[in-house]
Each structure stands twice: as C-alpha cells, then as structure tokens.
Amino acid sequence: MPPITDYQAVFFDLFDTLIRIDQEKFPRIRFGGQERPTTAGKLHEWLTAEGFRIDLDKFASELINVWMEISREKADGHLEVSAITRYERILPRIGVTDPAEIAWRASHMTRMHMGYLVDNARPVEQAAEILDQYAAKVPVALISNFDDNRAGHEIIDKFGWRRHFTSIVISDALRLCKPRRELYDLAAAETGVAHGDAVMVGDTHLADVKGARDAGLRAVWINAKGLALAEGQMRPDAEITALAELPRWLPL
C-alpha cells in the first residue's frame, strides 16, 4: 500500500484510537465467580444507601441483560441508544415506578458511571503530538461512537484537544452510529472538505473502514490486534498497528 499524500482533512475515531479507558482503575466486584472491574458495585452501593434492597449479583446480572438488549437494538440499523436508557430500564426492575424518580435516578447513575470513564481516560502514545501535527496542516474532525455526548466532550476537554477539531461528531448527539454515513456527511460538511479528500483513522473495521469507504472517504485502519480480513471484506487504504505509525502512511 502506498502512502496517502493527496488528502485535505483527517477524521479520527476516539476510543482505542486517540484514547483508552483504563478499566483496571475501576472499582472491582466479585461476580459470576470472577473479580471484575466495573462501576456496578458503586451504583449498587448508592442504591443501597438510598434504601433499595437488591442482591449485588442480581443487580449486575440485570445490568448485563439491559446492556445486551440495547446492543441488539443498536446493531439493528446502527441507531445509538443513550447511556441513560440503560438505567431508565433497570430501575423499574428493582421497584422504581414513578417516572420523575426514574428520570432523576437514571441521570445520577449515568453521571456516576461516566465519571469513572472520564477520570480513567488516557491518551494513546503520541496522540497529542499527532493531533498537533495534523491540525496544523489540514482540518481535523472527531467522529466517535459513544452513548453519552456530554461525557465525550468532557474527555476532549480533559486533554485540551477541542482546539484541534473543526468538527466533533458523537453518535449520541445524532442517535446514529458509525457505519451510518450521516456521521461522515456531517463531519465533511463542517470541515468543508469533499468526502473523497478526507481520510478516516480508526480501530474498528466496520465503523471506521467499511463505514468510511462506503461514504466515499479513504480509511487508515489501526489493526492493533493483527486481525485478518475475510475474503470480500472492505480493505483499508492503509493499515497500521498503532497511532504513532500514522505519519508514515499519511505524510505530514
């Protein structure tokens, strides 16, 4: 694959492309015979302090069930479901029936959970330098699948990266997920660059390679796990194993 030299904008994914969540810093609970890092224990502690009586294992199981339900819904049409929805659904299962109470408790639980994600977000190696370098040359956009728009912006501001982005597109704000082309269309419109002149950089093949290529962009795949593509799967325009390798394939 030759380097891509004739680009006019770079679009970046967020999670596992520019940042990672250090889940080992999350509180741990013992569930299903294993010790796991999760916010479920802290959420359970808060509910218990509020007078609810629910077994921790049952609560964690219900959280998993809701997460699986929502994951299936998101896969059908790639529609985003806001993070608060998982708590709006679990609260009636533990006895909360008043709509107003569900609304404020779900909001509080969402902020608790997202607080851990924001606090434990870490930039990948050379992420700040990469953003500095490309933003000095061309318009740069962020396109992220993330179910909490507010927390997504908090992560961006945590590292002082807002100044780099001409466009910030987070799936929660659109209620649509990559690979839906609407996310790419919005970033292209806000950067003022034709789709064919933009390059998407991300770690997820479906979202960041197939989605981008289907929308008319070129794509650089960060294939950190060395996954092999099946015959017929969309090929990226370049493939790297870490963000730090990007300038080799997308020369500055």
C-alpha atoms as a PDB file:
ATOM      1  CA  MET A   1       0.000   0.000   0.000  1.00  0.00           C
ATOM      2  CA  PRO A   2       1.486   3.393  -0.956  1.00  0.00           C
ATOM      3  CA  PRO A   3       1.250   6.348   1.440  1.00  0.00           C
ATOM      4  CA  ILE A   4      -1.766   8.655   1.085  1.00  0.00           C
ATOM      5  CA  THR A   5      -0.459  12.074   0.121  1.00  0.00           C
ATOM      6  CA  ASP A   6      -3.368  13.880  -1.547  1.00  0.00           C
ATOM      7  CA  TYR A   7      -5.678  14.356   1.448  1.00  0.00           C
ATOM      8  CA  GLN A   8      -7.351  17.579   2.592  1.00  0.00           C
ATOM      9  CA  ALA A   9      -8.746  16.521   6.017  1.00  0.00           C
ATOM     10  CA  VAL A  10      -8.255  13.823   8.643  1.00  0.00           C
ATOM     11  CA  PHE A  11     -11.126  12.361  10.669  1.00  0.00           C
ATOM     12  CA  PHE A  12     -10.241  10.497  13.868  1.00  0.00           C
ATOM     13  CA  ASP A  13     -12.142   7.961  15.932  1.00  0.00           C
ATOM     14  CA  LEU A  14     -11.871   8.470  19.720  1.00  0.00           C
ATOM     15  CA  PHE A  15     -11.908   5.251  21.748  1.00  0.00           C
ATOM     16  CA  ASP A  16      -8.916   2.947  21.214  1.00  0.00           C
ATOM     17  CA  THR A  17      -7.686   5.368  18.558  1.00  0.00           C
ATOM     18  CA  LEU A  18      -6.871   8.575  20.459  1.00  0.00           C
ATOM     19  CA  ILE A  19      -7.711   7.436  23.997  1.00  0.00           C
ATOM     20  CA  ARG A  20      -8.157   4.268  26.015  1.00  0.00           C
ATOM     21  CA  ILE A  21     -10.164   3.692  29.178  1.00  0.00           C
ATOM     22  CA  ASP A  22      -8.021   2.204  31.937  1.00  0.00           C
ATOM     23  CA  GLN A  23     -10.666  -0.109  33.366  1.00  0.00           C
ATOM     24  CA  GLU A  24      -8.181  -1.610  35.799  1.00  0.00           C
ATOM     25  CA  LYS A  25      -8.630   1.614  37.780  1.00  0.00           C
ATOM     26  CA  PHE A  26     -12.362   0.922  38.132  1.00  0.00           C
ATOM     27  CA  PRO A  27     -13.662  -0.451  41.449  1.00  0.00           C
ATOM     28  CA  ARG A  28     -13.872  -4.231  41.469  1.00  0.00           C
ATOM     29  CA  ILE A  29     -16.608  -6.659  42.441  1.00  0.00           C
ATOM     30  CA  ARG A  30     -16.787 -10.420  42.534  1.00  0.00           C
ATOM     31  CA  PHE A  31     -19.448 -11.595  40.101  1.00  0.00           C
ATOM     32  CA  GLY A  32     -20.015 -14.862  38.284  1.00  0.00           C
ATOM     33  CA  GLY A  33     -17.101 -16.463  40.093  1.00  0.00           C
ATOM     34  CA  GLN A  34     -14.665 -13.792  38.908  1.00  0.00           C
ATOM     35  CA  GLU A  35     -13.377 -10.491  40.175  1.00  0.00           C
ATOM     36  CA  ARG A  36     -14.197  -7.784  37.619  1.00  0.00           C
ATOM     37  CA  PRO A  37     -13.544  -4.053  37.228  1.00  0.00           C
ATOM     38  CA  THR A  38     -16.920  -2.366  36.884  1.00  0.00           C
ATOM     39  CA  THR A  39     -18.990   0.541  38.146  1.00  0.00           C
ATOM     40  CA  ALA A  40     -21.812  -1.846  39.087  1.00  0.00           C
ATOM     41  CA  GLY A  41     -20.642  -2.107  42.685  1.00  0.00           C
ATOM     42  CA  LYS A  42     -20.628   1.659  43.227  1.00  0.00           C
ATOM     43  CA  LEU A  43     -24.044   2.020  41.616  1.00  0.00           C
ATOM     44  CA  HIS A  44     -25.317  -0.780  43.858  1.00  0.00           C
ATOM     45  CA  GLU A  45     -23.824   0.918  46.929  1.00  0.00           C
ATOM     46  CA  TRP A  46     -25.636   4.151  46.087  1.00  0.00           C
ATOM     47  CA  LEU A  47     -28.954   2.379  45.584  1.00  0.00           C
ATOM     48  CA  THR A  48     -28.482   0.507  48.863  1.00  0.00           C
ATOM     49  CA  ALA A  49     -27.752   3.782  50.676  1.00  0.00           C
ATOM     50  CA  GLU A  50     -30.965   5.132  49.125  1.00  0.00           C
ATOM     51  CA  GLY A  51     -32.934   2.311  50.746  1.00  0.00           C
ATOM     52  CA  PHE A  52     -33.174  -0.227  47.926  1.00  0.00           C
ATOM     53  CA  ARG A  53     -32.672  -3.870  48.763  1.00  0.00           C
ATOM     54  CA  ILE A  54     -31.353  -5.824  45.809  1.00  0.00           C
ATOM     55  CA  ASP A  55     -28.689  -8.515  45.716  1.00  0.00           C
ATOM     56  CA  LEU A  56     -25.480  -7.339  44.042  1.00  0.00           C
ATOM     57  CA  ASP A  57     -25.299 -10.390  41.763  1.00  0.00           C
ATOM     58  CA  LYS A  58     -28.892  -9.838  40.651  1.00  0.00           C
ATOM     59  CA  PHE A  59     -28.246  -6.157  40.034  1.00  0.00           C
ATOM     60  CA  ALA A  60     -25.117  -6.885  37.993  1.00  0.00           C
ATOM     61  CA  SER A  61     -26.999  -9.555  36.024  1.00  0.00           C
ATOM     62  CA  GLU A  62     -29.795  -7.116  35.235  1.00  0.00           C
ATOM     63  CA  LEU A  63     -27.259  -4.539  34.062  1.00  0.00           C
ATOM     64  CA  ILE A  64     -25.761  -7.115  31.698  1.00  0.00           C
ATOM     65  CA  ASN A  65     -29.207  -8.094  30.432  1.00  0.00           C
ATOM     66  CA  VAL A  66     -30.085  -4.467  29.703  1.00  0.00           C
ATOM     67  CA  TRP A  67     -26.726  -3.895  28.014  1.00  0.00           C
ATOM     68  CA  MET A  68     -27.305  -6.914  25.765  1.00  0.00           C
ATOM     69  CA  GLU A  69     -30.815  -5.732  24.879  1.00  0.00           C
ATOM     70  CA  ILE A  70     -29.513  -2.322  23.916  1.00  0.00           C
ATOM     71  CA  SER A  71     -26.598  -3.793  21.966  1.00  0.00           C
ATOM     72  CA  ARG A  72     -29.039  -5.785  19.850  1.00  0.00           C
ATOM     73  CA  GLU A  73     -31.130  -2.670  19.230  1.00  0.00           C
ATOM     74  CA  LYS A  74     -28.074  -0.650  18.230  1.00  0.00           C
ATOM     75  CA  ALA A  75     -26.965  -3.332  15.794  1.00  0.00           C
ATOM     76  CA  ASP A  76     -30.339  -3.149  14.046  1.00  0.00           C
ATOM     77  CA  GLY A  77     -29.936  -0.123  11.823  1.00  0.00           C
ATOM     78  CA  HIS A  78     -26.953   1.259  13.774  1.00  0.00           C
ATOM     79  CA  LEU A  79     -29.111   3.520  15.909  1.00  0.00           C
ATOM     80  CA  GLU A  80     -27.494   4.996  19.004  1.00  0.00           C
ATOM     81  CA  VAL A  81     -29.190   4.473  22.370  1.00  0.00           C
ATOM     82  CA  SER A  82     -28.186   6.984  25.033  1.00  0.00           C
ATOM     83  CA  ALA A  83     -26.416   5.683  28.116  1.00  0.00           C
ATOM     84  CA  ILE A  84     -29.163   6.968  30.402  1.00  0.00           C
ATOM     85  CA  THR A  85     -31.547   4.479  28.786  1.00  0.00           C
ATOM     86  CA  ARG A  86     -29.864   1.500  30.459  1.00  0.00           C
ATOM     87  CA  TYR A  87     -30.651   2.939  33.891  1.00  0.00           C
ATOM     88  CA  GLU A  88     -34.137   4.040  32.884  1.00  0.00           C
ATOM     89  CA  ARG A  89     -34.762   0.399  32.038  1.00  0.00           C
ATOM     90  CA  ILE A  90     -33.182  -1.217  35.065  1.00  0.00           C
ATOM     91  CA  LEU A  91     -34.848   0.975  37.693  1.00  0.00           C
ATOM     92  CA  PRO A  92     -38.383  -0.394  37.112  1.00  0.00           C
ATOM     93  CA  ARG A  93     -36.911  -3.888  37.505  1.00  0.00           C
ATOM     94  CA  ILE A  94     -35.873  -3.024  41.056  1.00  0.00           C
ATOM     95  CA  GLY A  95     -39.143  -1.390  42.010  1.00  0.00           C
ATOM     96  CA  VAL A  96     -38.970   2.249  40.867  1.00  0.00           C
ATOM     97  CA  THR A  97     -42.190   3.120  39.050  1.00  0.00           C
ATOM     98  CA  ASP A  98     -42.604   6.901  39.323  1.00  0.00           C
ATOM     99  CA  PRO A  99     -41.456   8.485  36.014  1.00  0.00           C
ATOM    100  CA  ALA A 100     -39.964  11.540  37.694  1.00  0.00           C
ATOM    101  CA  GLU A 101     -37.979   9.396  40.125  1.00  0.00           C
ATOM    102  CA  ILE A 102     -36.784   7.159  37.293  1.00  0.00           C
ATOM    103  CA  ALA A 103     -35.615  10.230  35.378  1.00  0.00           C
ATOM    104  CA  TRP A 104     -33.515  11.754  38.153  1.00  0.00           C
ATOM    105  CA  ARG A 105     -32.125   8.465  39.450  1.00  0.00           C
ATOM    106  CA  ALA A 106     -31.173   7.360  35.924  1.00  0.00           C
ATOM    107  CA  SER A 107     -29.457  10.706  35.358  1.00  0.00           C
ATOM    108  CA  HIS A 108     -27.496  10.369  38.591  1.00  0.00           C
ATOM    109  CA  MET A 109     -26.425   6.806  37.797  1.00  0.00           C
ATOM    110  CA  THR A 110     -25.332   7.830  34.315  1.00  0.00           C
ATOM    111  CA  ARG A 111     -23.149  10.605  35.721  1.00  0.00           C
ATOM    112  CA  MET A 112     -21.623   8.191  38.255  1.00  0.00           C
ATOM    113  CA  HIS A 113     -20.749   5.683  35.553  1.00  0.00           C
ATOM    114  CA  MET A 114     -19.475   8.264  33.092  1.00  0.00           C
ATOM    115  CA  GLY A 115     -17.398   9.904  35.798  1.00  0.00           C
ATOM    116  CA  TYR A 116     -15.263   6.771  36.000  1.00  0.00           C
ATOM    117  CA  LEU A 117     -14.840   6.688  32.212  1.00  0.00           C
ATOM    118  CA  VAL A 118     -13.773  10.322  32.049  1.00  0.00           C
ATOM    119  CA  ASP A 119     -11.463  10.061  35.070  1.00  0.00           C
ATOM    120  CA  ASN A 120      -9.757   6.964  33.682  1.00  0.00           C
ATOM    121  CA  ALA A 121      -9.443   8.052  30.056  1.00  0.00           C
ATOM    122  CA  ARG A 122      -5.804   8.013  28.955  1.00  0.00           C
ATOM    123  CA  PRO A 123      -4.350   9.280  25.659  1.00  0.00           C
ATOM    124  CA  VAL A 124      -2.677   6.654  23.492  1.00  0.00           C
ATOM    125  CA  GLU A 125       1.007   7.080  22.761  1.00  0.00           C
ATOM    126  CA  GLN A 126       1.724  10.266  20.775  1.00  0.00           C
ATOM    127  CA  ALA A 127      -1.971  11.177  20.471  1.00  0.00           C
ATOM    128  CA  ALA A 128      -1.373  14.815  21.459  1.00  0.00           C
ATOM    129  CA  GLU A 129       1.576  15.159  19.081  1.00  0.00           C
ATOM    130  CA  ILE A 130      -0.337  13.549  16.208  1.00  0.00           C
ATOM    131  CA  LEU A 131      -3.290  15.902  16.675  1.00  0.00           C
ATOM    132  CA  ASP A 132      -0.996  18.926  16.895  1.00  0.00           C
ATOM    133  CA  GLN A 133       0.769  17.985  13.680  1.00  0.00           C
ATOM    134  CA  TYR A 134      -2.276  17.230  11.538  1.00  0.00           C
ATOM    135  CA  ALA A 135      -4.384  20.116  12.839  1.00  0.00           C
ATOM    136  CA  ALA A 136      -1.568  22.484  11.830  1.00  0.00           C
ATOM    137  CA  LYS A 137      -1.843  21.188   8.247  1.00  0.00           C
ATOM    138  CA  VAL A 138      -5.484  20.356   7.481  1.00  0.00           C
ATOM    139  CA  PRO A 139      -8.943  20.449   9.105  1.00  0.00           C
ATOM    140  CA  VAL A 140      -9.301  17.678  11.670  1.00  0.00           C
ATOM    141  CA  ALA A 141     -12.576  16.118  12.816  1.00  0.00           C
ATOM    142  CA  LEU A 142     -13.577  13.659  15.510  1.00  0.00           C
ATOM    143  CA  ILE A 143     -16.229  11.023  14.742  1.00  0.00           C
ATOM    144  CA  SER A 144     -16.974   8.788  17.713  1.00  0.00           C
ATOM    145  CA  ASN A 145     -19.484   6.098  18.543  1.00  0.00           C
ATOM    146  CA  PHE A 146     -20.255   6.935  22.160  1.00  0.00           C
ATOM    147  CA  ASP A 147     -23.556   6.845  24.004  1.00  0.00           C
ATOM    148  CA  ASP A 148     -23.016   9.943  26.146  1.00  0.00           C
ATOM    149  CA  ASN A 149     -22.408  13.174  24.261  1.00  0.00           C
ATOM    150  CA  ARG A 150     -21.649  15.153  27.407  1.00  0.00           C
ATOM    151  CA  ALA A 151     -19.002  12.711  28.644  1.00  0.00           C
ATOM    152  CA  GLY A 152     -17.457  12.591  25.177  1.00  0.00           C
ATOM    153  CA  HIS A 153     -16.938  16.340  25.264  1.00  0.00           C
ATOM    154  CA  GLU A 154     -15.598  16.111  28.831  1.00  0.00           C
ATOM    155  CA  ILE A 155     -12.921  13.669  27.628  1.00  0.00           C
ATOM    156  CA  ILE A 156     -11.963  16.000  24.782  1.00  0.00           C
ATOM    157  CA  ASP A 157     -11.691  18.940  27.173  1.00  0.00           C
ATOM    158  CA  LYS A 158      -9.777  16.892  29.736  1.00  0.00           C
ATOM    159  CA  PHE A 159      -6.837  16.754  27.327  1.00  0.00           C
ATOM    160  CA  GLY A 160      -7.311  20.220  25.855  1.00  0.00           C
ATOM    161  CA  TRP A 161      -8.000  18.820  22.400  1.00  0.00           C
ATOM    162  CA  ARG A 162     -11.050  20.888  21.450  1.00  0.00           C
ATOM    163  CA  ARG A 163      -8.865  23.461  19.696  1.00  0.00           C
ATOM    164  CA  HIS A 164      -7.735  20.813  17.215  1.00  0.00           C
ATOM    165  CA  PHE A 165     -11.170  19.849  15.918  1.00  0.00           C
ATOM    166  CA  THR A 166     -13.075  21.715  13.249  1.00  0.00           C
ATOM    167  CA  SER A 167     -15.906  19.210  13.719  1.00  0.00           C
ATOM    168  CA  ILE A 168     -16.878  16.960  16.635  1.00  0.00           C
ATOM    169  CA  VAL A 169     -19.470  14.303  15.810  1.00  0.00           C
ATOM    170  CA  ILE A 170     -20.570  11.987  18.638  1.00  0.00           C
ATOM    171  CA  SER A 171     -23.162   9.333  17.894  1.00  0.00           C
ATOM    172  CA  ASP A 172     -25.283  10.140  20.956  1.00  0.00           C
ATOM    173  CA  ALA A 173     -25.999  13.605  19.576  1.00  0.00           C
ATOM    174  CA  LEU A 174     -27.282  12.195  16.273  1.00  0.00           C
ATOM    175  CA  ARG A 175     -28.857   8.995  17.654  1.00  0.00           C
ATOM    176  CA  LEU A 176     -26.968   7.249  14.857  1.00  0.00           C
ATOM    177  CA  CYS A 177     -23.790   5.142  14.945  1.00  0.00           C
ATOM    178  CA  LYS A 178     -20.979   4.555  12.503  1.00  0.00           C
ATOM    179  CA  PRO A 179     -21.011   2.995   9.932  1.00  0.00           C
ATOM    180  CA  ARG A 180     -24.038   5.205   9.139  1.00  0.00           C
ATOM    181  CA  ARG A 181     -22.853   7.710   6.566  1.00  0.00           C
ATOM    182  CA  GLU A 182     -24.715  10.597   8.219  1.00  0.00           C
ATOM    183  CA  LEU A 183     -21.854  10.938  10.717  1.00  0.00           C
ATOM    184  CA  TYR A 184     -19.323  11.232   7.909  1.00  0.00           C
ATOM    185  CA  ASP A 185     -21.575  13.612   5.992  1.00  0.00           C
ATOM    186  CA  LEU A 186     -21.772  15.967   8.974  1.00  0.00           C
ATOM    187  CA  ALA A 187     -18.001  15.964   9.535  1.00  0.00           C
ATOM    188  CA  ALA A 188     -17.403  16.603   5.829  1.00  0.00           C
ATOM    189  CA  ALA A 189     -19.895  19.472   5.809  1.00  0.00           C
ATOM    190  CA  GLU A 190     -18.413  21.077   8.931  1.00  0.00           C
ATOM    191  CA  THR A 191     -14.831  20.790   7.683  1.00  0.00           C
ATOM    192  CA  GLY A 192     -15.807  21.948   4.200  1.00  0.00           C
ATOM    193  CA  VAL A 193     -13.965  19.061   2.567  1.00  0.00           C
ATOM    194  CA  ALA A 194     -15.254  16.672  -0.073  1.00  0.00           C
ATOM    195  CA  HIS A 195     -15.657  13.086   1.104  1.00  0.00           C
ATOM    196  CA  GLY A 196     -13.016  11.825  -1.303  1.00  0.00           C
ATOM    197  CA  ASP A 197     -10.449  14.261   0.105  1.00  0.00           C
ATOM    198  CA  ALA A 198     -10.886  13.095   3.720  1.00  0.00           C
ATOM    199  CA  VAL A 199      -9.217  10.156   5.455  1.00  0.00           C
ATOM    200  CA  MET A 200     -10.778   8.319   8.413  1.00  0.00           C
ATOM    201  CA  VAL A 201      -8.432   6.905  11.051  1.00  0.00           C
ATOM    202  CA  GLY A 202      -9.849   4.350  13.464  1.00  0.00           C
ATOM    203  CA  ASP A 203      -9.539   0.943  15.059  1.00  0.00           C
ATOM    204  CA  THR A 204     -12.896  -0.671  14.240  1.00  0.00           C
ATOM    205  CA  HIS A 205     -13.224  -2.253  10.805  1.00  0.00           C
ATOM    206  CA  LEU A 206     -16.991  -1.984  10.420  1.00  0.00           C
ATOM    207  CA  ALA A 207     -17.279   1.555  11.728  1.00  0.00           C
ATOM    208  CA  ASP A 208     -14.032   3.140  10.605  1.00  0.00           C
ATOM    209  CA  VAL A 209     -13.087   1.257   7.454  1.00  0.00           C
ATOM    210  CA  LYS A 210     -16.270  -0.036   5.840  1.00  0.00           C
ATOM    211  CA  GLY A 211     -18.321   2.925   7.046  1.00  0.00           C
ATOM    212  CA  ALA A 212     -15.791   5.430   5.771  1.00  0.00           C
ATOM    213  CA  ARG A 213     -15.196   3.694   2.445  1.00  0.00           C
ATOM    214  CA  ASP A 214     -18.947   3.294   1.838  1.00  0.00           C
ATOM    215  CA  ALA A 215     -19.320   7.040   2.427  1.00  0.00           C
ATOM    216  CA  GLY A 216     -16.618   7.802  -0.117  1.00  0.00           C
ATOM    217  CA  LEU A 217     -13.724   8.507   2.259  1.00  0.00           C
ATOM    218  CA  ARG A 218     -10.409   6.755   2.426  1.00  0.00           C
ATOM    219  CA  ALA A 219      -9.519   4.840   5.571  1.00  0.00           C
ATOM    220  CA  VAL A 220      -6.498   4.023   7.709  1.00  0.00           C
ATOM    221  CA  TRP A 221      -7.159   1.037   9.953  1.00  0.00           C
ATOM    222  CA  ILE A 222      -5.392   0.769  13.309  1.00  0.00           C
ATOM    223  CA  ASN A 223      -5.311  -3.016  13.490  1.00  0.00           C
ATOM    224  CA  ALA A 224      -3.637  -3.343  16.884  1.00  0.00           C
ATOM    225  CA  LYS A 225      -4.762  -6.954  17.322  1.00  0.00           C
ATOM    226  CA  GLY A 226      -3.498  -8.136  13.940  1.00  0.00           C
ATOM    227  CA  LEU A 227      -6.939  -9.276  12.779  1.00  0.00           C
ATOM    228  CA  ALA A 228      -7.188 -10.947   9.401  1.00  0.00           C
ATOM    229  CA  LEU A 229      -9.862  -9.803   6.984  1.00  0.00           C
ATOM    230  CA  ALA A 230     -12.052 -12.405   5.357  1.00  0.00           C
ATOM    231  CA  GLU A 231     -12.281 -12.609   1.603  1.00  0.00           C
ATOM    232  CA  GLY A 232     -14.587  -9.905   0.335  1.00  0.00           C
ATOM    233  CA  GLN A 233     -14.268  -7.638   3.383  1.00  0.00           C
ATOM    234  CA  MET A 234     -13.584  -3.984   2.636  1.00  0.00           C
ATOM    235  CA  ARG A 235      -9.874  -3.261   2.551  1.00  0.00           C
ATOM    236  CA  PRO A 236      -8.436  -0.119   4.143  1.00  0.00           C
ATOM    237  CA  ASP A 237      -6.265   2.250   2.146  1.00  0.00           C
ATOM    238  CA  ALA A 238      -3.556   1.756   4.757  1.00  0.00           C
ATOM    239  CA  GLU A 239      -3.151  -0.481   7.795  1.00  0.00           C
ATOM    240  CA  ILE A 240      -1.098   0.276  10.900  1.00  0.00           C
ATOM    241  CA  THR A 241      -0.757  -1.269  14.351  1.00  0.00           C
ATOM    242  CA  ALA A 242      -0.570   1.949  16.415  1.00  0.00           C
ATOM    243  CA  LEU A 243      -1.475   5.606  16.031  1.00  0.00           C
ATOM    244  CA  ALA A 244       2.209   6.581  16.241  1.00  0.00           C
ATOM    245  CA  GLU A 245       2.737   4.937  12.823  1.00  0.00           C
ATOM    246  CA  LEU A 246       0.235   7.230  11.097  1.00  0.00           C
ATOM    247  CA  PRO A 247       2.672   9.829   9.653  1.00  0.00           C
ATOM    248  CA  ARG A 248       4.406   7.077   7.696  1.00  0.00           C
ATOM    249  CA  TRP A 249       1.212   6.345   5.769  1.00  0.00           C
ATOM    250  CA  LEU A 250      -0.355   9.790   5.928  1.00  0.00           C
ATOM    251  CA  PRO A 251       2.692  12.040   5.439  1.00  0.00           C
ATOM    252  CA  LEU A 252       2.595  15.463   7.027  1.00  0.00           C
END
